[in-house]
Amino acid sequence: MVVAIVAIAAVASVVRAKYGIVRRHRGEELVQRGPDPEAERLRAEVKALKERVAVLERLATDSGSALEREFDKLRERD
C-alpha cells in the first residue's frame, strides 16, 4: 500500500514537471509557467554569436584573396 502511494506521488510530480506546473506556498495554488522572455532573448543572442563565430572561422581558414573578398563583403554590409 505504501509503495503504491509513493509511486502515485512520483508519477504526479513527473507529470507536473513535464507540463511546467509549480506549487506556491505549500500547495495553496497551482501556477503554470509560461515562456520566459529572458530565455528567448538569450537564445537569440547565442544564435547571433554562433553565426558571427562561424564567419570568423571561415575567414581564418580561407586563402588570402578569399579573405580580402570576405572583408570587403563585411564592410559593405555594415
Protein backbone atom coordinates (compact mmCIF):
# COMPACT_ATOMS: atom_id res chain seq x y z
CA MET A 1 0.00 0.00 0.00
CA VAL A 2 2.80 2.41 0.92
CA VAL A 3 4.62 1.58 -2.31
CA ALA A 4 1.50 2.42 -4.33
CA ILE A 5 1.15 5.81 -2.62
CA VAL A 6 4.81 6.64 -3.23
CA ALA A 7 4.51 5.57 -6.88
CA ILE A 8 1.42 7.76 -7.40
CA ALA A 9 3.17 10.75 -5.83
CA ALA A 10 6.25 10.20 -8.01
CA VAL A 11 4.20 9.96 -11.20
CA ALA A 12 2.25 13.08 -10.27
CA SER A 13 5.45 15.08 -9.71
CA VAL A 14 6.85 13.95 -13.06
CA VAL A 15 3.65 14.99 -14.83
CA ARG A 16 3.69 18.38 -13.08
CA ALA A 17 7.32 18.94 -14.09
CA LYS A 18 6.61 17.96 -17.70
CA TYR A 19 3.78 20.46 -18.05
CA GLY A 20 5.59 23.22 -16.13
CA ILE A 21 3.21 23.39 -13.18
CA VAL A 22 4.73 24.56 -9.90
CA ARG A 23 3.32 24.82 -6.41
CA ARG A 24 3.37 28.02 -4.40
CA HIS A 25 3.20 28.20 -0.61
CA ARG A 26 2.64 24.56 0.26
CA GLY A 27 0.12 23.77 -2.46
CA GLU A 28 -2.22 26.71 -1.94
CA GLU A 29 -2.31 27.41 -5.62
CA LEU A 30 -1.03 25.76 -8.78
CA VAL A 31 0.57 28.09 -11.30
CA GLN A 32 1.53 27.18 -14.82
CA ARG A 33 4.74 28.75 -16.01
CA GLY A 34 4.70 30.45 -19.37
CA PRO A 35 7.55 31.04 -21.79
CA ASP A 36 10.38 33.07 -20.31
CA PRO A 37 11.09 36.17 -22.43
CA GLU A 38 14.60 36.47 -20.97
CA ALA A 39 15.43 32.92 -22.05
CA GLU A 40 14.15 33.62 -25.57
CA ARG A 41 16.26 36.78 -25.77
CA LEU A 42 19.34 34.85 -24.65
CA ARG A 43 18.69 32.10 -27.18
CA ALA A 44 18.52 34.68 -29.97
CA GLU A 45 21.74 36.30 -28.77
CA VAL A 46 23.55 32.95 -28.66
CA LYS A 47 22.34 32.17 -32.19
CA ALA A 48 23.69 35.50 -33.45
CA LEU A 49 27.02 34.92 -31.73
CA LYS A 50 27.31 31.44 -33.23
CA GLU A 51 26.76 32.91 -36.69
CA ARG A 52 29.48 35.50 -36.07
CA VAL A 53 31.90 32.84 -34.86
CA ALA A 54 31.18 30.77 -37.98
CA VAL A 55 32.04 33.77 -40.16
CA LEU A 56 35.26 34.37 -38.22
CA GLU A 57 36.25 30.71 -38.52
CA ARG A 58 35.63 30.81 -42.24
CA LEU A 59 37.72 34.00 -42.54
CA ALA A 60 40.57 32.47 -40.56
CA THR A 61 40.74 29.33 -42.70
CA ASP A 62 40.29 30.84 -46.19
CA SER A 63 43.13 31.78 -48.51
CA GLY A 64 44.46 35.35 -48.76
CA SER A 65 42.42 36.53 -51.74
CA ALA A 66 39.24 34.97 -50.40
CA LEU A 67 39.94 36.65 -47.09
CA GLU A 68 40.12 40.08 -48.72
CA ARG A 69 36.80 39.46 -50.52
CA GLU A 70 35.12 38.47 -47.25
CA PHE A 71 36.41 41.60 -45.52
CA ASP A 72 35.02 43.70 -48.37
CA LYS A 73 31.62 41.96 -48.08
CA LEU A 74 31.52 42.62 -44.35
CA ARG A 75 32.46 46.28 -44.81
CA GLU A 76 29.67 46.71 -47.39
CA ARG A 77 27.14 45.03 -45.10
CA ASP A 78 27.76 47.43 -42.21
